[in-house]
Amino acid sequence: MASSEPGEMHIDPMSQFLVKPLFGGDMGLFTITNSTLWMAIIIGAVSLLLIGGVRSRALVPSRMQSVAEMIYGFVRQMVVDIAGEEGLKYFPYIFTLFIFVFFSNLMGMIPYSFTVTSHIAVTGVLALIVFVTVTVIGFLKHGVGFLGFFWPKEAPPALRPVLMIIELISYFVRPISHSIRLGANMLAGHAVLKVFAGFVGPLGLAGVVPFAVMVGLVGFEFMVAAIQAYVFTILTCVYLNDALHMH
């Protein structure tokens, strides 16, 4: 927030999402930005938890080991419940996806951090990789028969061509909805927090009201961060199940 004139407030909630080069200069293909910096920090934090936490393999686990094992068991059960035992073959990829999105969302709550999952450039790539992966799995497992996924045999013959077009459109829209759902939720929540934060100082004593709202919103945003990681991963499992079993 900045004041251009006395008594005038200017709140720019979108400035926190700008990708900027860390060392100045023009943006290029190999420019190190605030986004790439925070991706590296996220990978470091994940590595610290998963490698450092389970390195001792203690029978009485430490807190870090307990957290790592809990996340591992949670994602594994999710894969089994949705895609079946056959889906465990792809568990490492799904677990990596979940832990990256989960940590990206949570670390975006740190003041002055950068929420990488607020950018469609990130969530879009993740969703596109999921889309291509499950499509390739479907064709490798079922061959040309995977195209039967788009042909509703149970429907009346006259409706099948129309329903096939609808199925094809809904299938190819998957990466768009998959990525926008995550990116839009993270962007909107952080933007609202920034707006309320901009009112705290200028309102003086009355700023306690937007501050109280911010406290509630921060708790809500932590919940959204976890839920969106869960939703992104569970949709990946659903798409994987479609490719494996064509239901």
C-alpha atoms as a PDB file:
ATOM      1  CA  MET A   1       0.000   0.000   0.000  1.00  0.00           C
ATOM      2  CA  ALA A   2       1.223   3.502  -0.813  1.00  0.00           C
ATOM      3  CA  SER A   3      -0.216   6.981  -0.403  1.00  0.00           C
ATOM      4  CA  SER A   4       0.180   9.203  -3.441  1.00  0.00           C
ATOM      5  CA  GLU A   5      -1.474  12.231  -1.718  1.00  0.00           C
ATOM      6  CA  PRO A   6      -2.338  13.036   1.900  1.00  0.00           C
ATOM      7  CA  GLY A   7      -5.512  11.243   2.908  1.00  0.00           C
ATOM      8  CA  GLU A   8      -5.538   9.128  -0.216  1.00  0.00           C
ATOM      9  CA  MET A   9      -5.085   5.379  -0.022  1.00  0.00           C
ATOM     10  CA  HIS A  10      -3.802   3.254  -2.858  1.00  0.00           C
ATOM     11  CA  ILE A  11      -3.983  -0.504  -2.399  1.00  0.00           C
ATOM     12  CA  ASP A  12      -2.454  -2.754  -5.029  1.00  0.00           C
ATOM     13  CA  PRO A  13      -3.261  -6.362  -4.042  1.00  0.00           C
ATOM     14  CA  MET A  14      -1.856  -7.773  -7.291  1.00  0.00           C
ATOM     15  CA  SER A  15       1.697  -6.469  -6.869  1.00  0.00           C
ATOM     16  CA  GLN A  16       2.547  -9.489  -4.699  1.00  0.00           C
ATOM     17  CA  PHE A  17       2.123 -11.767  -7.728  1.00  0.00           C
ATOM     18  CA  LEU A  18       4.613  -9.968  -9.983  1.00  0.00           C
ATOM     19  CA  VAL A  19       7.509 -12.104 -11.178  1.00  0.00           C
ATOM     20  CA  LYS A  20      10.694 -10.058 -10.842  1.00  0.00           C
ATOM     21  CA  PRO A  21      14.360 -10.790 -11.625  1.00  0.00           C
ATOM     22  CA  LEU A  22      16.384 -11.042  -8.437  1.00  0.00           C
ATOM     23  CA  PHE A  23      19.515  -9.391  -9.799  1.00  0.00           C
ATOM     24  CA  GLY A  24      17.981  -6.764 -12.071  1.00  0.00           C
ATOM     25  CA  GLY A  25      18.228  -6.687 -15.830  1.00  0.00           C
ATOM     26  CA  ASP A  26      15.748  -7.951 -18.390  1.00  0.00           C
ATOM     27  CA  MET A  27      13.680 -11.094 -18.026  1.00  0.00           C
ATOM     28  CA  GLY A  28      15.104 -13.969 -20.049  1.00  0.00           C
ATOM     29  CA  LEU A  29      14.817 -17.713 -20.339  1.00  0.00           C
ATOM     30  CA  PHE A  30      17.435 -18.362 -17.642  1.00  0.00           C
ATOM     31  CA  THR A  31      16.754 -15.340 -15.436  1.00  0.00           C
ATOM     32  CA  ILE A  32      16.606 -16.145 -11.729  1.00  0.00           C
ATOM     33  CA  THR A  33      13.387 -14.638 -10.402  1.00  0.00           C
ATOM     34  CA  ASN A  34      11.543 -14.500  -7.090  1.00  0.00           C
ATOM     35  CA  SER A  35       9.416 -17.363  -8.408  1.00  0.00           C
ATOM     36  CA  THR A  36      12.370 -19.649  -9.104  1.00  0.00           C
ATOM     37  CA  LEU A  37      13.929 -18.714  -5.762  1.00  0.00           C
ATOM     38  CA  TRP A  38      10.829 -19.794  -3.864  1.00  0.00           C
ATOM     39  CA  MET A  39      10.534 -22.984  -5.886  1.00  0.00           C
ATOM     40  CA  ALA A  40      14.088 -23.811  -4.802  1.00  0.00           C
ATOM     41  CA  ILE A  41      13.203 -23.009  -1.174  1.00  0.00           C
ATOM     42  CA  ILE A  42      10.128 -25.246  -1.411  1.00  0.00           C
ATOM     43  CA  ILE A  43      12.170 -28.132  -2.807  1.00  0.00           C
ATOM     44  CA  GLY A  44      14.722 -27.616  -0.038  1.00  0.00           C
ATOM     45  CA  ALA A  45      12.008 -27.661   2.647  1.00  0.00           C
ATOM     46  CA  VAL A  46      10.441 -30.809   1.189  1.00  0.00           C
ATOM     47  CA  SER A  47      13.840 -32.504   1.018  1.00  0.00           C
ATOM     48  CA  LEU A  48      14.571 -31.540   4.620  1.00  0.00           C
ATOM     49  CA  LEU A  49      11.303 -33.074   5.783  1.00  0.00           C
ATOM     50  CA  LEU A  50      11.354 -36.268   3.722  1.00  0.00           C
ATOM     51  CA  ILE A  51      15.078 -37.034   3.700  1.00  0.00           C
ATOM     52  CA  GLY A  52      16.056 -35.620   7.055  1.00  0.00           C
ATOM     53  CA  GLY A  53      12.894 -36.823   8.763  1.00  0.00           C
ATOM     54  CA  VAL A  54      13.159 -40.487   7.828  1.00  0.00           C
ATOM     55  CA  ARG A  55      16.934 -40.826   7.683  1.00  0.00           C
ATOM     56  CA  SER A  56      17.138 -42.385  11.146  1.00  0.00           C
ATOM     57  CA  ARG A  57      14.195 -44.772  10.552  1.00  0.00           C
ATOM     58  CA  ALA A  58      13.619 -44.845  14.297  1.00  0.00           C
ATOM     59  CA  LEU A  59      11.076 -47.259  15.783  1.00  0.00           C
ATOM     60  CA  VAL A  60       9.963 -44.388  18.008  1.00  0.00           C
ATOM     61  CA  PRO A  61       9.696 -41.659  15.383  1.00  0.00           C
ATOM     62  CA  SER A  62      10.667 -38.059  15.937  1.00  0.00           C
ATOM     63  CA  ARG A  63       8.160 -35.297  15.193  1.00  0.00           C
ATOM     64  CA  MET A  64       9.625 -34.739  11.752  1.00  0.00           C
ATOM     65  CA  GLN A  65       9.541 -38.447  10.958  1.00  0.00           C
ATOM     66  CA  SER A  66       5.941 -38.676  12.198  1.00  0.00           C
ATOM     67  CA  VAL A  67       4.876 -35.823   9.905  1.00  0.00           C
ATOM     68  CA  ALA A  68       6.660 -37.371   6.906  1.00  0.00           C
ATOM     69  CA  GLU A  69       5.109 -40.804   7.561  1.00  0.00           C
ATOM     70  CA  MET A  70       1.664 -39.280   8.090  1.00  0.00           C
ATOM     71  CA  ILE A  71       1.781 -37.429   4.747  1.00  0.00           C
ATOM     72  CA  TYR A  72       3.109 -40.552   3.011  1.00  0.00           C
ATOM     73  CA  GLY A  73       0.338 -42.745   4.448  1.00  0.00           C
ATOM     74  CA  PHE A  74      -2.340 -40.162   3.677  1.00  0.00           C
ATOM     75  CA  VAL A  75      -1.431 -39.886  -0.013  1.00  0.00           C
ATOM     76  CA  ARG A  76      -0.920 -43.647  -0.377  1.00  0.00           C
ATOM     77  CA  GLN A  77      -4.377 -44.350   1.013  1.00  0.00           C
ATOM     78  CA  MET A  78      -5.847 -41.733  -1.307  1.00  0.00           C
ATOM     79  CA  VAL A  79      -4.323 -43.478  -4.331  1.00  0.00           C
ATOM     80  CA  VAL A  80      -5.562 -46.903  -3.204  1.00  0.00           C
ATOM     81  CA  ASP A  81      -9.083 -45.662  -2.446  1.00  0.00           C
ATOM     82  CA  ILE A  82      -9.520 -43.998  -5.834  1.00  0.00           C
ATOM     83  CA  ALA A  83      -7.300 -45.826  -8.336  1.00  0.00           C
ATOM     84  CA  GLY A  84      -6.967 -49.184  -6.565  1.00  0.00           C
ATOM     85  CA  GLU A  85      -3.844 -51.221  -5.921  1.00  0.00           C
ATOM     86  CA  GLU A  86      -2.911 -50.848  -9.578  1.00  0.00           C
ATOM     87  CA  GLY A  87      -2.577 -47.107  -9.035  1.00  0.00           C
ATOM     88  CA  LEU A  88       0.267 -47.625  -6.541  1.00  0.00           C
ATOM     89  CA  LYS A  89       2.591 -48.065  -9.506  1.00  0.00           C
ATOM     90  CA  TYR A  90       2.232 -44.323 -10.036  1.00  0.00           C
ATOM     91  CA  PHE A  91       2.320 -43.383  -6.349  1.00  0.00           C
ATOM     92  CA  PRO A  92       5.795 -41.702  -6.442  1.00  0.00           C
ATOM     93  CA  TYR A  93       4.593 -39.240  -9.068  1.00  0.00           C
ATOM     94  CA  ILE A  94       1.315 -38.477  -7.274  1.00  0.00           C
ATOM     95  CA  PHE A  95       3.089 -38.100  -3.939  1.00  0.00           C
ATOM     96  CA  THR A  96       5.610 -35.693  -5.489  1.00  0.00           C
ATOM     97  CA  LEU A  97       2.771 -33.677  -6.988  1.00  0.00           C
ATOM     98  CA  PHE A  98       0.914 -33.453  -3.688  1.00  0.00           C
ATOM     99  CA  ILE A  99       3.904 -32.530  -1.557  1.00  0.00           C
ATOM    100  CA  PHE A 100       5.031 -29.825  -3.994  1.00  0.00           C
ATOM    101  CA  VAL A 101       1.595 -28.195  -4.241  1.00  0.00           C
ATOM    102  CA  PHE A 102       1.014 -28.545  -0.493  1.00  0.00           C
ATOM    103  CA  PHE A 103       4.303 -26.901   0.470  1.00  0.00           C
ATOM    104  CA  SER A 104       3.927 -24.233  -2.236  1.00  0.00           C
ATOM    105  CA  ASN A 105       0.541 -23.269  -0.845  1.00  0.00           C
ATOM    106  CA  LEU A 106       1.661 -23.269   2.785  1.00  0.00           C
ATOM    107  CA  MET A 107       4.928 -21.399   2.232  1.00  0.00           C
ATOM    108  CA  GLY A 108       3.030 -18.794   0.249  1.00  0.00           C
ATOM    109  CA  MET A 109       1.477 -17.797   3.590  1.00  0.00           C
ATOM    110  CA  ILE A 110       4.847 -16.611   4.902  1.00  0.00           C
ATOM    111  CA  PRO A 111       4.978 -12.779   4.894  1.00  0.00           C
ATOM    112  CA  TYR A 112       6.913 -11.382   1.916  1.00  0.00           C
ATOM    113  CA  SER A 113       7.090 -14.814   0.302  1.00  0.00           C
ATOM    114  CA  PHE A 114       5.958 -15.653  -3.230  1.00  0.00           C
ATOM    115  CA  THR A 115       3.053 -18.030  -3.872  1.00  0.00           C
ATOM    116  CA  VAL A 116       4.161 -19.959  -6.950  1.00  0.00           C
ATOM    117  CA  THR A 117       0.828 -21.803  -7.232  1.00  0.00           C
ATOM    118  CA  SER A 118      -0.968 -18.487  -7.780  1.00  0.00           C
ATOM    119  CA  HIS A 119       0.428 -18.450 -11.329  1.00  0.00           C
ATOM    120  CA  ILE A 120      -1.251 -20.376 -14.133  1.00  0.00           C
ATOM    121  CA  ALA A 121       2.214 -20.754 -15.667  1.00  0.00           C
ATOM    122  CA  VAL A 122       2.985 -23.151 -12.797  1.00  0.00           C
ATOM    123  CA  THR A 123      -0.379 -24.816 -12.202  1.00  0.00           C
ATOM    124  CA  GLY A 124      -0.974 -25.061 -15.962  1.00  0.00           C
ATOM    125  CA  VAL A 125       2.256 -26.985 -16.492  1.00  0.00           C
ATOM    126  CA  LEU A 126       1.451 -29.326 -13.589  1.00  0.00           C
ATOM    127  CA  ALA A 127      -2.058 -29.946 -14.941  1.00  0.00           C
ATOM    128  CA  LEU A 128      -0.803 -30.432 -18.508  1.00  0.00           C
ATOM    129  CA  ILE A 129       1.743 -33.016 -17.345  1.00  0.00           C
ATOM    130  CA  VAL A 130      -1.043 -34.863 -15.509  1.00  0.00           C
ATOM    131  CA  PHE A 131      -3.242 -34.747 -18.620  1.00  0.00           C
ATOM    132  CA  VAL A 132      -0.516 -36.073 -20.933  1.00  0.00           C
ATOM    133  CA  THR A 133       0.595 -38.723 -18.432  1.00  0.00           C
ATOM    134  CA  VAL A 134      -2.838 -40.240 -17.829  1.00  0.00           C
ATOM    135  CA  THR A 135      -3.644 -40.143 -21.561  1.00  0.00           C
ATOM    136  CA  VAL A 136      -0.427 -41.997 -22.394  1.00  0.00           C
ATOM    137  CA  ILE A 137      -1.166 -44.516 -19.606  1.00  0.00           C
ATOM    138  CA  GLY A 138      -4.649 -45.057 -21.035  1.00  0.00           C
ATOM    139  CA  PHE A 139      -3.354 -45.812 -24.522  1.00  0.00           C
ATOM    140  CA  LEU A 140      -0.494 -47.984 -23.244  1.00  0.00           C
ATOM    141  CA  LYS A 141      -2.888 -50.080 -21.146  1.00  0.00           C
ATOM    142  CA  HIS A 142      -5.874 -50.304 -23.489  1.00  0.00           C
ATOM    143  CA  GLY A 143      -4.428 -49.455 -26.894  1.00  0.00           C
ATOM    144  CA  VAL A 144      -6.926 -48.047 -29.365  1.00  0.00           C
ATOM    145  CA  GLY A 145      -9.625 -49.409 -27.071  1.00  0.00           C
ATOM    146  CA  PHE A 146      -9.035 -46.382 -24.836  1.00  0.00           C
ATOM    147  CA  LEU A 147     -11.034 -44.375 -27.361  1.00  0.00           C
ATOM    148  CA  GLY A 148     -14.046 -46.336 -26.128  1.00  0.00           C
ATOM    149  CA  PHE A 149     -13.858 -44.141 -23.037  1.00  0.00           C
ATOM    150  CA  PHE A 150     -15.461 -41.408 -25.139  1.00  0.00           C
ATOM    151  CA  TRP A 151     -18.159 -43.629 -26.681  1.00  0.00           C
ATOM    152  CA  PRO A 152     -21.099 -44.091 -24.265  1.00  0.00           C
ATOM    153  CA  LYS A 153     -22.302 -47.595 -25.145  1.00  0.00           C
ATOM    154  CA  GLU A 154     -25.142 -47.489 -22.616  1.00  0.00           C
ATOM    155  CA  ALA A 155     -26.750 -44.422 -24.195  1.00  0.00           C
ATOM    156  CA  PRO A 156     -29.404 -44.632 -26.952  1.00  0.00           C
ATOM    157  CA  PRO A 157     -27.721 -44.956 -30.399  1.00  0.00           C
ATOM    158  CA  ALA A 158     -29.093 -41.629 -31.620  1.00  0.00           C
ATOM    159  CA  LEU A 159     -27.515 -39.774 -28.684  1.00  0.00           C
ATOM    160  CA  ARG A 160     -24.105 -41.442 -28.786  1.00  0.00           C
ATOM    161  CA  PRO A 161     -22.462 -39.071 -31.332  1.00  0.00           C
ATOM    162  CA  VAL A 162     -23.623 -36.015 -29.394  1.00  0.00           C
ATOM    163  CA  LEU A 163     -22.486 -37.469 -26.082  1.00  0.00           C
ATOM    164  CA  MET A 164     -19.152 -38.422 -27.637  1.00  0.00           C
ATOM    165  CA  ILE A 165     -18.534 -34.786 -28.598  1.00  0.00           C
ATOM    166  CA  ILE A 166     -19.450 -33.691 -25.066  1.00  0.00           C
ATOM    167  CA  GLU A 167     -17.110 -36.311 -23.581  1.00  0.00           C
ATOM    168  CA  LEU A 168     -14.244 -35.214 -25.825  1.00  0.00           C
ATOM    169  CA  ILE A 169     -14.729 -31.548 -24.925  1.00  0.00           C
ATOM    170  CA  SER A 170     -14.923 -32.301 -21.197  1.00  0.00           C
ATOM    171  CA  TYR A 171     -11.792 -34.467 -21.441  1.00  0.00           C
ATOM    172  CA  PHE A 172      -9.689 -31.817 -23.174  1.00  0.00           C
ATOM    173  CA  VAL A 173     -10.957 -29.108 -20.815  1.00  0.00           C
ATOM    174  CA  ARG A 174      -9.539 -31.052 -17.868  1.00  0.00           C
ATOM    175  CA  PRO A 175      -6.103 -29.395 -17.761  1.00  0.00           C
ATOM    176  CA  ILE A 176      -7.715 -25.943 -17.932  1.00  0.00           C
ATOM    177  CA  SER A 177     -10.133 -26.527 -15.054  1.00  0.00           C
ATOM    178  CA  HIS A 178      -7.496 -28.483 -13.130  1.00  0.00           C
ATOM    179  CA  SER A 179      -5.014 -25.595 -13.244  1.00  0.00           C
ATOM    180  CA  ILE A 180      -7.408 -22.650 -12.884  1.00  0.00           C
ATOM    181  CA  ARG A 181      -9.095 -24.156  -9.818  1.00  0.00           C
ATOM    182  CA  LEU A 182      -5.827 -24.170  -7.888  1.00  0.00           C
ATOM    183  CA  GLY A 183      -4.347 -20.939  -9.260  1.00  0.00           C
ATOM    184  CA  ALA A 184      -7.505 -18.865  -8.890  1.00  0.00           C
ATOM    185  CA  ASN A 185      -8.124 -19.965  -5.302  1.00  0.00           C
ATOM    186  CA  MET A 186      -4.603 -19.100  -4.200  1.00  0.00           C
ATOM    187  CA  LEU A 187      -4.591 -15.780  -6.054  1.00  0.00           C
ATOM    188  CA  ALA A 188      -7.999 -14.661  -4.786  1.00  0.00           C
ATOM    189  CA  GLY A 189      -7.305 -15.484  -1.156  1.00  0.00           C
ATOM    190  CA  HIS A 190      -3.966 -13.671  -1.049  1.00  0.00           C
ATOM    191  CA  ALA A 191      -5.418 -10.665  -2.863  1.00  0.00           C
ATOM    192  CA  VAL A 192      -8.213 -10.343  -0.283  1.00  0.00           C
ATOM    193  CA  LEU A 193      -5.671 -10.557   2.555  1.00  0.00           C
ATOM    194  CA  LYS A 194      -3.647  -7.771   0.933  1.00  0.00           C
ATOM    195  CA  VAL A 195      -6.732  -5.552   0.636  1.00  0.00           C
ATOM    196  CA  PHE A 196      -7.628  -5.895   4.328  1.00  0.00           C
ATOM    197  CA  ALA A 197      -3.976  -5.400   5.330  1.00  0.00           C
ATOM    198  CA  GLY A 198      -3.992  -2.115   3.417  1.00  0.00           C
ATOM    199  CA  PHE A 199      -6.752  -0.738   5.641  1.00  0.00           C
ATOM    200  CA  VAL A 200      -5.140  -1.542   9.001  1.00  0.00           C
ATOM    201  CA  GLY A 201      -2.652   1.372   9.176  1.00  0.00           C
ATOM    202  CA  PRO A 202      -4.651   4.255   7.617  1.00  0.00           C
ATOM    203  CA  LEU A 203      -7.727   3.590   9.770  1.00  0.00           C
ATOM    204  CA  GLY A 204      -5.849   4.133  13.025  1.00  0.00           C
ATOM    205  CA  LEU A 205      -7.676   2.667  16.011  1.00  0.00           C
ATOM    206  CA  ALA A 206     -10.486   1.533  13.732  1.00  0.00           C
ATOM    207  CA  GLY A 207      -7.899  -0.622  11.971  1.00  0.00           C
ATOM    208  CA  VAL A 208      -8.521  -3.253  14.627  1.00  0.00           C
ATOM    209  CA  VAL A 209     -11.597  -4.289  12.621  1.00  0.00           C
ATOM    210  CA  PRO A 210      -9.808  -5.206   9.356  1.00  0.00           C
ATOM    211  CA  PHE A 211      -6.977  -6.674  11.484  1.00  0.00           C
ATOM    212  CA  ALA A 212      -9.458  -8.998  13.208  1.00  0.00           C
ATOM    213  CA  VAL A 213     -10.865  -9.967   9.815  1.00  0.00           C
ATOM    214  CA  MET A 214      -7.316 -10.672   8.624  1.00  0.00           C
ATOM    215  CA  VAL A 215      -6.694 -13.037  11.535  1.00  0.00           C
ATOM    216  CA  GLY A 216      -9.757 -15.037  10.561  1.00  0.00           C
ATOM    217  CA  LEU A 217      -8.815 -14.955   6.880  1.00  0.00           C
ATOM    218  CA  VAL A 218      -5.292 -16.196   7.597  1.00  0.00           C
ATOM    219  CA  GLY A 219      -6.700 -19.256   9.358  1.00  0.00           C
ATOM    220  CA  PHE A 220      -9.117 -19.774   6.489  1.00  0.00           C
ATOM    221  CA  GLU A 221      -6.298 -19.441   3.930  1.00  0.00           C
ATOM    222  CA  PHE A 222      -4.246 -22.115   5.689  1.00  0.00           C
ATOM    223  CA  MET A 223      -7.247 -24.408   5.398  1.00  0.00           C
ATOM    224  CA  VAL A 224      -7.685 -23.503   1.714  1.00  0.00           C
ATOM    225  CA  ALA A 225      -3.981 -24.174   1.088  1.00  0.00           C
ATOM    226  CA  ALA A 226      -4.334 -27.721   2.396  1.00  0.00           C
ATOM    227  CA  ILE A 227      -7.692 -28.362   0.726  1.00  0.00           C
ATOM    228  CA  GLN A 228      -6.513 -27.158  -2.687  1.00  0.00           C
ATOM    229  CA  ALA A 229      -3.471 -29.451  -2.549  1.00  0.00           C
ATOM    230  CA  TYR A 230      -5.829 -32.299  -1.666  1.00  0.00           C
ATOM    231  CA  VAL A 231      -8.289 -31.420  -4.439  1.00  0.00           C
ATOM    232  CA  PHE A 232      -5.543 -31.120  -7.066  1.00  0.00           C
ATOM    233  CA  THR A 233      -4.154 -34.517  -6.075  1.00  0.00           C
ATOM    234  CA  ILE A 234      -7.479 -36.291  -5.761  1.00  0.00           C
ATOM    235  CA  LEU A 235      -8.495 -35.113  -9.246  1.00  0.00           C
ATOM    236  CA  THR A 236      -5.197 -36.515 -10.526  1.00  0.00           C
ATOM    237  CA  CYS A 237      -6.119 -39.855  -8.934  1.00  0.00           C
ATOM    238  CA  VAL A 238      -9.587 -39.710 -10.528  1.00  0.00           C
ATOM    239  CA  TYR A 239      -8.068 -39.081 -13.971  1.00  0.00           C
ATOM    240  CA  LEU A 240      -5.597 -41.921 -13.379  1.00  0.00           C
ATOM    241  CA  ASN A 241      -8.441 -44.235 -12.426  1.00  0.00           C
ATOM    242  CA  ASP A 242     -10.247 -43.345 -15.666  1.00  0.00           C
ATOM    243  CA  ALA A 243      -7.132 -44.251 -17.648  1.00  0.00           C
ATOM    244  CA  LEU A 244      -6.609 -47.528 -15.789  1.00  0.00           C
ATOM    245  CA  HIS A 245     -10.168 -48.797 -15.572  1.00  0.00           C
ATOM    246  CA  MET A 246     -12.142 -46.671 -18.087  1.00  0.00           C
ATOM    247  CA  HIS A 247     -15.062 -46.214 -15.707  1.00  0.00           C
END
